[in-house]
Amino acid sequence: MDIRQIEYFVEVAKQLSFTKAATTLHVSQPSISKAIQNFEAELGVPLFYRSSRQLELTDAGQAVLINSMQVLESFQNLRSELTDLMQLKKGQIRIGIPPIVGAEFFSRLISVYKEQNPYIVILLTEVGTKRIREEIETGELDIGLVCSVTSTNENLETIRFLKDPLQLIVHESHPLAQQQAITMSDLTNEAFIIYRKDFILFDRIIEECSKYGFYPNIACETTQKDLFIEMVQARLGIALLPQKIAEKISYKSIKRIPFQEDAIHLELGITWKKNKYLPYSVREFIQLAHEFVLQ
């Protein structure tokens, strides 16, 4: 048994296809088939049901898959640690960042990190908080900058970076534009320009509206901050943006109004996977984030 057999088995189990696994791993299908046959022979159990319709894992295959993924993670941790020893302060870091708020709130943190670690390559992926957590769990990302510090996933560690209240933005011609403060009930009949469903703030806004007995009338879902602002400017609806973003809107015709009580906050945090070897690049990022929190 070698690590290549385990890698091949896990990929075939994910794809439920020898052909797709071969394409993903850039090896020939006969090589993968032979490796799986040898793996089954060594273990003494069949790992797949091979039918004409669909490849399926046997019960033994399911058990082997769970343990194989742990073996691969341990092997990757070992490889990362050895890389640290051989190439101190080099490497890369894969960071997930929310597209709407990421640049506004995390640009300085990333800039300082790059200044301190010029030989580390930063790979940014712009996706929502839900996807960020999923990809950290699967190992596709090293660390995530998230819009919520609350998570039911016990495999993730999170520190709060910032808490910023959401404010209403409306065109100056809107009836609410003259109010000094509003409540969520004031928005019952409004058309919302809202965050896409894979964003935590979508869930938070829906939850807050439901407390006041209504589901928002959604005019548009987007991930683009500029589109929020342009659509409000075009009088196509209202939007809720973090205060620090709303303060920087250049249109004088757009008014921002706080809530009477801070009903919804953008809670920015840094998250990563627990019980996993963290490369130098990730440890340094977490340490710098802690320093920013204390400032």
C-alpha atoms as a PDB file:
ATOM      1  CA  MET A   1       0.000   0.000   0.000  1.00  0.00           C
ATOM      2  CA  ASP A   2       1.331   3.459  -0.856  1.00  0.00           C
ATOM      3  CA  ILE A   3       0.040   7.008  -0.677  1.00  0.00           C
ATOM      4  CA  ARG A   4      -0.678   7.064  -4.421  1.00  0.00           C
ATOM      5  CA  GLN A   5      -3.167   4.204  -4.077  1.00  0.00           C
ATOM      6  CA  ILE A   6      -4.949   6.116  -1.327  1.00  0.00           C
ATOM      7  CA  GLU A   7      -5.027   9.304  -3.414  1.00  0.00           C
ATOM      8  CA  TYR A   8      -6.442   7.408  -6.390  1.00  0.00           C
ATOM      9  CA  PHE A   9      -9.076   5.685  -4.250  1.00  0.00           C
ATOM     10  CA  VAL A  10     -10.253   8.952  -2.642  1.00  0.00           C
ATOM     11  CA  GLU A  11     -10.576  10.704  -6.005  1.00  0.00           C
ATOM     12  CA  VAL A  12     -12.530   7.818  -7.553  1.00  0.00           C
ATOM     13  CA  ALA A  13     -14.788   7.807  -4.472  1.00  0.00           C
ATOM     14  CA  LYS A  14     -15.400  11.547  -4.870  1.00  0.00           C
ATOM     15  CA  GLN A  15     -16.111  11.344  -8.593  1.00  0.00           C
ATOM     16  CA  LEU A  16     -17.715   7.864  -8.597  1.00  0.00           C
ATOM     17  CA  SER A  17     -16.024   7.495 -11.941  1.00  0.00           C
ATOM     18  CA  PHE A  18     -12.663   6.059 -12.969  1.00  0.00           C
ATOM     19  CA  THR A  19     -12.695   8.229 -16.097  1.00  0.00           C
ATOM     20  CA  LYS A  20     -13.328  11.502 -14.254  1.00  0.00           C
ATOM     21  CA  ALA A  21     -10.786  10.635 -11.561  1.00  0.00           C
ATOM     22  CA  ALA A  22      -8.177   9.903 -14.229  1.00  0.00           C
ATOM     23  CA  THR A  23      -8.838  13.288 -15.860  1.00  0.00           C
ATOM     24  CA  THR A  24      -8.598  15.138 -12.534  1.00  0.00           C
ATOM     25  CA  LEU A  25      -5.379  13.378 -11.520  1.00  0.00           C
ATOM     26  CA  HIS A  26      -3.843  13.543 -15.030  1.00  0.00           C
ATOM     27  CA  VAL A  27      -3.116   9.818 -15.169  1.00  0.00           C
ATOM     28  CA  SER A  28      -4.436   7.049 -17.401  1.00  0.00           C
ATOM     29  CA  GLN A  29      -7.608   5.201 -16.488  1.00  0.00           C
ATOM     30  CA  PRO A  30      -5.898   1.758 -16.605  1.00  0.00           C
ATOM     31  CA  SER A  31      -3.337   3.024 -14.054  1.00  0.00           C
ATOM     32  CA  ILE A  32      -6.084   4.057 -11.654  1.00  0.00           C
ATOM     33  CA  SER A  33      -8.055   0.834 -12.200  1.00  0.00           C
ATOM     34  CA  LYS A  34      -4.950  -1.271 -11.526  1.00  0.00           C
ATOM     35  CA  ALA A  35      -4.079   0.738  -8.395  1.00  0.00           C
ATOM     36  CA  ILE A  36      -7.619   0.296  -7.009  1.00  0.00           C
ATOM     37  CA  GLN A  37      -7.552  -3.451  -7.739  1.00  0.00           C
ATOM     38  CA  ASN A  38      -4.227  -3.770  -5.879  1.00  0.00           C
ATOM     39  CA  PHE A  39      -5.629  -1.674  -3.010  1.00  0.00           C
ATOM     40  CA  GLU A  40      -8.679  -3.961  -2.733  1.00  0.00           C
ATOM     41  CA  ALA A  41      -6.453  -7.045  -2.869  1.00  0.00           C
ATOM     42  CA  GLU A  42      -4.248  -5.760  -0.060  1.00  0.00           C
ATOM     43  CA  LEU A  43      -7.262  -4.887   2.101  1.00  0.00           C
ATOM     44  CA  GLY A  44      -9.071  -8.096   1.226  1.00  0.00           C
ATOM     45  CA  VAL A  45     -12.429  -6.395   0.573  1.00  0.00           C
ATOM     46  CA  PRO A  46     -14.196  -4.884  -2.455  1.00  0.00           C
ATOM     47  CA  LEU A  47     -14.399  -1.096  -2.213  1.00  0.00           C
ATOM     48  CA  PHE A  48     -16.803  -0.438  -5.095  1.00  0.00           C
ATOM     49  CA  TYR A  49     -19.904  -1.967  -6.608  1.00  0.00           C
ATOM     50  CA  ARG A  50     -19.116  -2.038 -10.310  1.00  0.00           C
ATOM     51  CA  SER A  51     -22.376  -2.020 -12.271  1.00  0.00           C
ATOM     52  CA  SER A  52     -23.155  -0.899 -15.791  1.00  0.00           C
ATOM     53  CA  ARG A  53     -25.097   2.125 -14.524  1.00  0.00           C
ATOM     54  CA  GLN A  54     -23.235   3.669 -11.605  1.00  0.00           C
ATOM     55  CA  LEU A  55     -20.101   3.120  -9.574  1.00  0.00           C
ATOM     56  CA  GLU A  56     -20.950   2.944  -5.853  1.00  0.00           C
ATOM     57  CA  LEU A  57     -18.981   2.550  -2.637  1.00  0.00           C
ATOM     58  CA  THR A  58     -19.496  -0.636  -0.646  1.00  0.00           C
ATOM     59  CA  ASP A  59     -19.919  -0.432   3.137  1.00  0.00           C
ATOM     60  CA  ALA A  60     -16.236  -1.304   3.444  1.00  0.00           C
ATOM     61  CA  GLY A  61     -15.467   1.397   0.876  1.00  0.00           C
ATOM     62  CA  GLN A  62     -17.289   3.998   2.983  1.00  0.00           C
ATOM     63  CA  ALA A  63     -15.227   3.055   6.041  1.00  0.00           C
ATOM     64  CA  VAL A  64     -11.962   3.069   4.062  1.00  0.00           C
ATOM     65  CA  LEU A  65     -12.834   6.483   2.566  1.00  0.00           C
ATOM     66  CA  ILE A  66     -13.186   8.136   5.982  1.00  0.00           C
ATOM     67  CA  ASN A  67      -9.827   6.788   7.142  1.00  0.00           C
ATOM     68  CA  SER A  68      -8.143   7.460   3.798  1.00  0.00           C
ATOM     69  CA  MET A  69      -9.087  11.145   3.939  1.00  0.00           C
ATOM     70  CA  GLN A  70      -7.535  11.354   7.414  1.00  0.00           C
ATOM     71  CA  VAL A  71      -4.373   9.678   6.110  1.00  0.00           C
ATOM     72  CA  LEU A  72      -4.143  12.137   3.199  1.00  0.00           C
ATOM     73  CA  GLU A  73      -4.641  15.105   5.523  1.00  0.00           C
ATOM     74  CA  SER A  74      -1.891  13.834   7.838  1.00  0.00           C
ATOM     75  CA  PHE A  75       0.385  13.293   4.835  1.00  0.00           C
ATOM     76  CA  GLN A  76      -0.309  16.826   3.595  1.00  0.00           C
ATOM     77  CA  ASN A  77       0.433  18.194   7.079  1.00  0.00           C
ATOM     78  CA  LEU A  78       3.754  16.333   7.089  1.00  0.00           C
ATOM     79  CA  ARG A  79       4.618  17.626   3.625  1.00  0.00           C
ATOM     80  CA  SER A  80       3.734  21.201   4.653  1.00  0.00           C
ATOM     81  CA  GLU A  81       5.848  20.991   7.786  1.00  0.00           C
ATOM     82  CA  LEU A  82       8.836  19.683   5.849  1.00  0.00           C
ATOM     83  CA  THR A  83       8.373  22.472   3.297  1.00  0.00           C
ATOM     84  CA  ASP A  84       8.486  24.987   6.140  1.00  0.00           C
ATOM     85  CA  LEU A  85      11.744  23.523   7.359  1.00  0.00           C
ATOM     86  CA  MET A  86      13.315  23.525   3.905  1.00  0.00           C
ATOM     87  CA  GLN A  87      11.912  26.820   2.626  1.00  0.00           C
ATOM     88  CA  LEU A  88      11.389  29.062   5.635  1.00  0.00           C
ATOM     89  CA  LYS A  89       9.194  32.086   4.924  1.00  0.00           C
ATOM     90  CA  LYS A  90       8.349  30.938   1.420  1.00  0.00           C
ATOM     91  CA  GLY A  91       5.253  29.359  -0.040  1.00  0.00           C
ATOM     92  CA  GLN A  92       1.678  30.478  -0.618  1.00  0.00           C
ATOM     93  CA  ILE A  93      -1.514  31.190   1.286  1.00  0.00           C
ATOM     94  CA  ARG A  94      -5.015  30.621  -0.115  1.00  0.00           C
ATOM     95  CA  ILE A  95      -7.433  33.168   1.314  1.00  0.00           C
ATOM     96  CA  GLY A  96     -11.201  33.309   0.861  1.00  0.00           C
ATOM     97  CA  ILE A  97     -12.590  36.836   0.911  1.00  0.00           C
ATOM     98  CA  PRO A  98     -16.179  38.168   0.580  1.00  0.00           C
ATOM     99  CA  PRO A  99     -16.398  40.272  -2.613  1.00  0.00           C
ATOM    100  CA  ILE A 100     -18.760  42.942  -1.241  1.00  0.00           C
ATOM    101  CA  VAL A 101     -16.826  43.881   1.888  1.00  0.00           C
ATOM    102  CA  GLY A 102     -13.433  42.242   1.494  1.00  0.00           C
ATOM    103  CA  ALA A 103     -11.466  45.063  -0.073  1.00  0.00           C
ATOM    104  CA  GLU A 104     -12.964  47.690   2.236  1.00  0.00           C
ATOM    105  CA  PHE A 105     -12.123  45.950   5.484  1.00  0.00           C
ATOM    106  CA  PHE A 106      -9.192  43.634   4.822  1.00  0.00           C
ATOM    107  CA  SER A 107      -7.013  45.451   2.289  1.00  0.00           C
ATOM    108  CA  ARG A 108      -4.738  46.955   4.945  1.00  0.00           C
ATOM    109  CA  LEU A 109      -4.310  43.607   6.718  1.00  0.00           C
ATOM    110  CA  ILE A 110      -3.363  41.889   3.454  1.00  0.00           C
ATOM    111  CA  SER A 111      -1.098  44.782   2.455  1.00  0.00           C
ATOM    112  CA  VAL A 112       0.854  44.691   5.735  1.00  0.00           C
ATOM    113  CA  TYR A 113       1.095  40.895   5.540  1.00  0.00           C
ATOM    114  CA  LYS A 114       2.574  41.115   2.033  1.00  0.00           C
ATOM    115  CA  GLU A 115       5.079  43.767   3.128  1.00  0.00           C
ATOM    116  CA  GLN A 116       6.252  41.511   5.959  1.00  0.00           C
ATOM    117  CA  ASN A 117       6.269  38.355   3.829  1.00  0.00           C
ATOM    118  CA  PRO A 118       7.274  39.367   0.293  1.00  0.00           C
ATOM    119  CA  TYR A 119       8.113  35.803  -0.815  1.00  0.00           C
ATOM    120  CA  ILE A 120       4.723  34.348   0.068  1.00  0.00           C
ATOM    121  CA  VAL A 121       2.258  34.210  -2.823  1.00  0.00           C
ATOM    122  CA  ILE A 122      -1.275  35.306  -1.855  1.00  0.00           C
ATOM    123  CA  LEU A 123      -4.069  33.550  -3.746  1.00  0.00           C
ATOM    124  CA  LEU A 124      -7.408  35.313  -3.191  1.00  0.00           C
ATOM    125  CA  THR A 125     -10.762  33.645  -3.887  1.00  0.00           C
ATOM    126  CA  GLU A 126     -13.827  35.903  -3.811  1.00  0.00           C
ATOM    127  CA  VAL A 127     -16.827  33.933  -2.514  1.00  0.00           C
ATOM    128  CA  GLY A 128     -19.444  34.245   0.228  1.00  0.00           C
ATOM    129  CA  THR A 129     -18.901  33.249   3.850  1.00  0.00           C
ATOM    130  CA  LYS A 130     -20.782  29.951   3.488  1.00  0.00           C
ATOM    131  CA  ARG A 131     -18.541  28.830   0.617  1.00  0.00           C
ATOM    132  CA  ILE A 132     -15.435  30.052   2.444  1.00  0.00           C
ATOM    133  CA  ARG A 133     -16.200  27.815   5.427  1.00  0.00           C
ATOM    134  CA  GLU A 134     -16.936  24.851   3.167  1.00  0.00           C
ATOM    135  CA  GLU A 135     -13.661  25.262   1.266  1.00  0.00           C
ATOM    136  CA  ILE A 136     -11.618  25.620   4.448  1.00  0.00           C
ATOM    137  CA  GLU A 137     -13.208  22.389   5.679  1.00  0.00           C
ATOM    138  CA  THR A 138     -12.293  20.566   2.449  1.00  0.00           C
ATOM    139  CA  GLY A 139      -8.785  22.057   2.354  1.00  0.00           C
ATOM    140  CA  GLU A 140      -9.318  24.174  -0.762  1.00  0.00           C
ATOM    141  CA  LEU A 141      -8.618  27.334   1.272  1.00  0.00           C
ATOM    142  CA  ASP A 142      -6.127  27.885   4.103  1.00  0.00           C
ATOM    143  CA  ILE A 143      -7.917  30.747   5.815  1.00  0.00           C
ATOM    144  CA  GLY A 144     -11.060  32.802   5.367  1.00  0.00           C
ATOM    145  CA  LEU A 145     -12.120  36.373   5.986  1.00  0.00           C
ATOM    146  CA  VAL A 146     -15.781  35.920   6.910  1.00  0.00           C
ATOM    147  CA  CYS A 147     -18.849  38.093   7.526  1.00  0.00           C
ATOM    148  CA  SER A 148     -20.011  36.203  10.608  1.00  0.00           C
ATOM    149  CA  VAL A 149     -18.065  34.956  13.618  1.00  0.00           C
ATOM    150  CA  THR A 150     -20.866  32.556  14.615  1.00  0.00           C
ATOM    151  CA  SER A 151     -20.542  29.043  13.231  1.00  0.00           C
ATOM    152  CA  THR A 152     -21.847  25.616  14.217  1.00  0.00           C
ATOM    153  CA  ASN A 153     -18.810  23.967  12.652  1.00  0.00           C
ATOM    154  CA  GLU A 154     -16.650  22.740  15.526  1.00  0.00           C
ATOM    155  CA  ASN A 155     -13.762  22.035  13.142  1.00  0.00           C
ATOM    156  CA  LEU A 156     -13.178  25.754  12.550  1.00  0.00           C
ATOM    157  CA  GLU A 157     -11.470  28.337  14.746  1.00  0.00           C
ATOM    158  CA  THR A 158     -12.594  31.977  14.421  1.00  0.00           C
ATOM    159  CA  ILE A 159     -11.539  35.324  15.853  1.00  0.00           C
ATOM    160  CA  ARG A 160     -13.577  38.513  15.540  1.00  0.00           C
ATOM    161  CA  PHE A 161     -11.937  41.261  13.556  1.00  0.00           C
ATOM    162  CA  LEU A 162     -14.584  43.998  13.497  1.00  0.00           C
ATOM    163  CA  LYS A 163     -18.276  44.654  14.197  1.00  0.00           C
ATOM    164  CA  ASP A 164     -20.015  47.195  11.957  1.00  0.00           C
ATOM    165  CA  PRO A 165     -23.756  48.065  11.940  1.00  0.00           C
ATOM    166  CA  LEU A 166     -25.748  47.962   8.707  1.00  0.00           C
ATOM    167  CA  GLN A 167     -27.407  51.172   7.559  1.00  0.00           C
ATOM    168  CA  LEU A 168     -30.216  51.854   5.111  1.00  0.00           C
ATOM    169  CA  ILE A 169     -29.301  53.645   1.881  1.00  0.00           C
ATOM    170  CA  VAL A 170     -32.058  55.277  -0.182  1.00  0.00           C
ATOM    171  CA  HIS A 171     -32.374  57.888  -2.907  1.00  0.00           C
ATOM    172  CA  GLU A 172     -33.021  61.393  -1.577  1.00  0.00           C
ATOM    173  CA  SER A 173     -36.471  61.377  -3.219  1.00  0.00           C
ATOM    174  CA  HIS A 174     -37.560  58.354  -1.172  1.00  0.00           C
ATOM    175  CA  PRO A 175     -40.075  59.050   1.649  1.00  0.00           C
ATOM    176  CA  LEU A 176     -37.714  57.498   4.220  1.00  0.00           C
ATOM    177  CA  ALA A 177     -34.850  59.816   3.245  1.00  0.00           C
ATOM    178  CA  GLN A 178     -36.019  62.509   5.673  1.00  0.00           C
ATOM    179  CA  GLN A 179     -36.025  60.247   8.734  1.00  0.00           C
ATOM    180  CA  GLN A 180     -33.224  60.418  11.282  1.00  0.00           C
ATOM    181  CA  ALA A 181     -33.500  56.715  12.134  1.00  0.00           C
ATOM    182  CA  ILE A 182     -35.618  53.773  11.033  1.00  0.00           C
ATOM    183  CA  THR A 183     -36.755  50.339  12.209  1.00  0.00           C
ATOM    184  CA  MET A 184     -37.013  47.190  10.134  1.00  0.00           C
ATOM    185  CA  SER A 185     -40.820  47.495  10.160  1.00  0.00           C
ATOM    186  CA  ASP A 186     -40.443  50.708   8.101  1.00  0.00           C
ATOM    187  CA  LEU A 187     -39.142  48.530   5.232  1.00  0.00           C
ATOM    188  CA  THR A 188     -42.110  46.153   4.995  1.00  0.00           C
ATOM    189  CA  ASN A 189     -43.226  47.315   1.552  1.00  0.00           C
ATOM    190  CA  GLU A 190     -39.841  48.240   0.099  1.00  0.00           C
ATOM    191  CA  ALA A 191     -38.003  46.616  -2.826  1.00  0.00           C
ATOM    192  CA  PHE A 192     -34.686  45.256  -1.533  1.00  0.00           C
ATOM    193  CA  ILE A 193     -31.409  45.131  -3.395  1.00  0.00           C
ATOM    194  CA  ILE A 194     -29.937  42.320  -1.355  1.00  0.00           C
ATOM    195  CA  TYR A 195     -26.906  40.062  -0.971  1.00  0.00           C
ATOM    196  CA  ARG A 196     -26.840  36.762  -2.854  1.00  0.00           C
ATOM    197  CA  LYS A 197     -28.180  33.684  -1.046  1.00  0.00           C
ATOM    198  CA  ASP A 198     -24.735  32.198  -0.360  1.00  0.00           C
ATOM    199  CA  PHE A 199     -23.890  35.242   1.780  1.00  0.00           C
ATOM    200  CA  ILE A 200     -24.448  35.204   5.528  1.00  0.00           C
ATOM    201  CA  LEU A 201     -25.886  38.740   5.406  1.00  0.00           C
ATOM    202  CA  PHE A 202     -28.717  37.445   3.188  1.00  0.00           C
ATOM    203  CA  ASP A 203     -29.737  35.096   6.005  1.00  0.00           C
ATOM    204  CA  ARG A 204     -29.381  37.798   8.664  1.00  0.00           C
ATOM    205  CA  ILE A 205     -31.595  40.253   6.767  1.00  0.00           C
ATOM    206  CA  ILE A 206     -34.246  37.585   6.123  1.00  0.00           C
ATOM    207  CA  GLU A 207     -34.185  36.621   9.821  1.00  0.00           C
ATOM    208  CA  GLU A 208     -34.546  40.235  10.933  1.00  0.00           C
ATOM    209  CA  CYS A 209     -37.429  40.868   8.542  1.00  0.00           C
ATOM    210  CA  SER A 210     -39.200  37.744   9.793  1.00  0.00           C
ATOM    211  CA  LYS A 211     -39.079  39.113  13.348  1.00  0.00           C
ATOM    212  CA  TYR A 212     -41.263  41.955  12.079  1.00  0.00           C
ATOM    213  CA  GLY A 213     -43.643  39.617  10.294  1.00  0.00           C
ATOM    214  CA  PHE A 214     -42.654  40.012   6.654  1.00  0.00           C
ATOM    215  CA  TYR A 215     -40.455  38.538   3.946  1.00  0.00           C
ATOM    216  CA  PRO A 216     -38.624  41.201   1.928  1.00  0.00           C
ATOM    217  CA  ASN A 217     -39.657  41.996  -1.621  1.00  0.00           C
ATOM    218  CA  ILE A 218     -36.386  41.226  -3.411  1.00  0.00           C
ATOM    219  CA  ALA A 219     -35.728  43.313  -6.522  1.00  0.00           C
ATOM    220  CA  CYS A 220     -32.186  42.055  -7.114  1.00  0.00           C
ATOM    221  CA  GLU A 221     -29.491  39.815  -5.578  1.00  0.00           C
ATOM    222  CA  THR A 222     -25.869  40.779  -6.161  1.00  0.00           C
ATOM    223  CA  THR A 223     -22.305  40.371  -4.929  1.00  0.00           C
ATOM    224  CA  GLN A 224     -21.147  43.727  -6.271  1.00  0.00           C
ATOM    225  CA  LYS A 225     -21.000  46.736  -3.951  1.00  0.00           C
ATOM    226  CA  ASP A 226     -21.140  49.190  -6.860  1.00  0.00           C
ATOM    227  CA  LEU A 227     -24.327  47.571  -8.164  1.00  0.00           C
ATOM    228  CA  PHE A 228     -26.000  48.071  -4.777  1.00  0.00           C
ATOM    229  CA  ILE A 229     -25.220  51.763  -4.958  1.00  0.00           C
ATOM    230  CA  GLU A 230     -26.061  52.225  -8.665  1.00  0.00           C
ATOM    231  CA  MET A 231     -29.458  50.556  -8.283  1.00  0.00           C
ATOM    232  CA  VAL A 232     -30.347  52.724  -5.295  1.00  0.00           C
ATOM    233  CA  GLN A 233     -29.190  55.758  -7.272  1.00  0.00           C
ATOM    234  CA  ALA A 234     -31.501  54.641 -10.108  1.00  0.00           C
ATOM    235  CA  ARG A 235     -34.395  54.472  -7.585  1.00  0.00           C
ATOM    236  CA  LEU A 236     -34.910  50.749  -8.153  1.00  0.00           C
ATOM    237  CA  GLY A 237     -34.963  49.906  -4.464  1.00  0.00           C
ATOM    238  CA  ILE A 238     -33.356  50.272  -1.059  1.00  0.00           C
ATOM    239  CA  ALA A 239     -30.303  48.483   0.327  1.00  0.00           C
ATOM    240  CA  LEU A 240     -28.597  47.724   3.620  1.00  0.00           C
ATOM    241  CA  LEU A 241     -24.840  48.271   3.642  1.00  0.00           C
ATOM    242  CA  PRO A 242     -22.218  48.239   6.408  1.00  0.00           C
ATOM    243  CA  GLN A 243     -21.714  51.718   7.854  1.00  0.00           C
ATOM    244  CA  LYS A 244     -18.052  51.929   6.863  1.00  0.00           C
ATOM    245  CA  ILE A 245     -19.017  51.293   3.236  1.00  0.00           C
ATOM    246  CA  ALA A 246     -22.103  53.538   3.293  1.00  0.00           C
ATOM    247  CA  GLU A 247     -20.004  56.432   4.634  1.00  0.00           C
ATOM    248  CA  LYS A 248     -17.846  56.366   1.500  1.00  0.00           C
ATOM    249  CA  ILE A 249     -20.680  56.617  -1.050  1.00  0.00           C
ATOM    250  CA  SER A 250     -19.917  59.604  -3.263  1.00  0.00           C
ATOM    251  CA  TYR A 251     -23.457  60.264  -4.571  1.00  0.00           C
ATOM    252  CA  LYS A 252     -24.913  63.248  -2.731  1.00  0.00           C
ATOM    253  CA  SER A 253     -28.361  62.090  -3.840  1.00  0.00           C
ATOM    254  CA  ILE A 254     -28.065  58.916  -1.748  1.00  0.00           C
ATOM    255  CA  LYS A 255     -28.963  59.189   1.926  1.00  0.00           C
ATOM    256  CA  ARG A 256     -27.864  56.766   4.612  1.00  0.00           C
ATOM    257  CA  ILE A 257     -30.031  56.234   7.658  1.00  0.00           C
ATOM    258  CA  PRO A 258     -29.119  54.275  10.806  1.00  0.00           C
ATOM    259  CA  PHE A 259     -31.481  51.919  12.589  1.00  0.00           C
ATOM    260  CA  GLN A 260     -32.945  53.085  15.899  1.00  0.00           C
ATOM    261  CA  GLU A 261     -31.289  50.028  17.380  1.00  0.00           C
ATOM    262  CA  ASP A 262     -28.383  48.236  15.761  1.00  0.00           C
ATOM    263  CA  ALA A 263     -30.605  45.479  14.410  1.00  0.00           C
ATOM    264  CA  ILE A 264     -28.040  43.874  12.111  1.00  0.00           C
ATOM    265  CA  HIS A 265     -24.272  43.940  12.297  1.00  0.00           C
ATOM    266  CA  LEU A 266     -21.609  42.892   9.871  1.00  0.00           C
ATOM    267  CA  GLU A 267     -19.344  40.773  12.101  1.00  0.00           C
ATOM    268  CA  LEU A 268     -16.040  40.322  10.342  1.00  0.00           C
ATOM    269  CA  GLY A 269     -13.738  37.546  11.429  1.00  0.00           C
ATOM    270  CA  ILE A 270     -10.804  35.353  10.478  1.00  0.00           C
ATOM    271  CA  THR A 271     -11.398  31.593  10.357  1.00  0.00           C
ATOM    272  CA  TRP A 272      -9.250  28.509   9.774  1.00  0.00           C
ATOM    273  CA  LYS A 273      -9.381  24.759  10.384  1.00  0.00           C
ATOM    274  CA  LYS A 274      -8.623  23.370  13.838  1.00  0.00           C
ATOM    275  CA  ASN A 275      -6.427  20.347  14.512  1.00  0.00           C
ATOM    276  CA  LYS A 276      -4.485  20.800  11.309  1.00  0.00           C
ATOM    277  CA  TYR A 277      -0.863  21.660  10.769  1.00  0.00           C
ATOM    278  CA  LEU A 278      -0.697  25.338   9.855  1.00  0.00           C
ATOM    279  CA  PRO A 279       2.140  26.316   7.489  1.00  0.00           C
ATOM    280  CA  TYR A 280       4.315  29.294   8.286  1.00  0.00           C
ATOM    281  CA  SER A 281       2.336  31.447   5.839  1.00  0.00           C
ATOM    282  CA  VAL A 282      -0.955  30.774   7.666  1.00  0.00           C
ATOM    283  CA  ARG A 283       0.499  31.116  11.185  1.00  0.00           C
ATOM    284  CA  GLU A 284       1.927  34.515  10.285  1.00  0.00           C
ATOM    285  CA  PHE A 285      -1.406  35.695   8.865  1.00  0.00           C
ATOM    286  CA  ILE A 286      -3.276  34.649  12.022  1.00  0.00           C
ATOM    287  CA  GLN A 287      -0.698  36.354  14.231  1.00  0.00           C
ATOM    288  CA  LEU A 288      -0.970  39.571  12.239  1.00  0.00           C
ATOM    289  CA  ALA A 289      -4.770  39.408  12.403  1.00  0.00           C
ATOM    290  CA  HIS A 290      -4.564  39.113  16.204  1.00  0.00           C
ATOM    291  CA  GLU A 291      -2.398  42.241  16.263  1.00  0.00           C
ATOM    292  CA  PHE A 292      -4.940  44.137  14.140  1.00  0.00           C
ATOM    293  CA  VAL A 293      -7.756  43.109  16.491  1.00  0.00           C
ATOM    294  CA  LEU A 294      -5.835  44.522  19.457  1.00  0.00           C
ATOM    295  CA  GLN A 295      -5.189  47.889  17.773  1.00  0.00           C
END
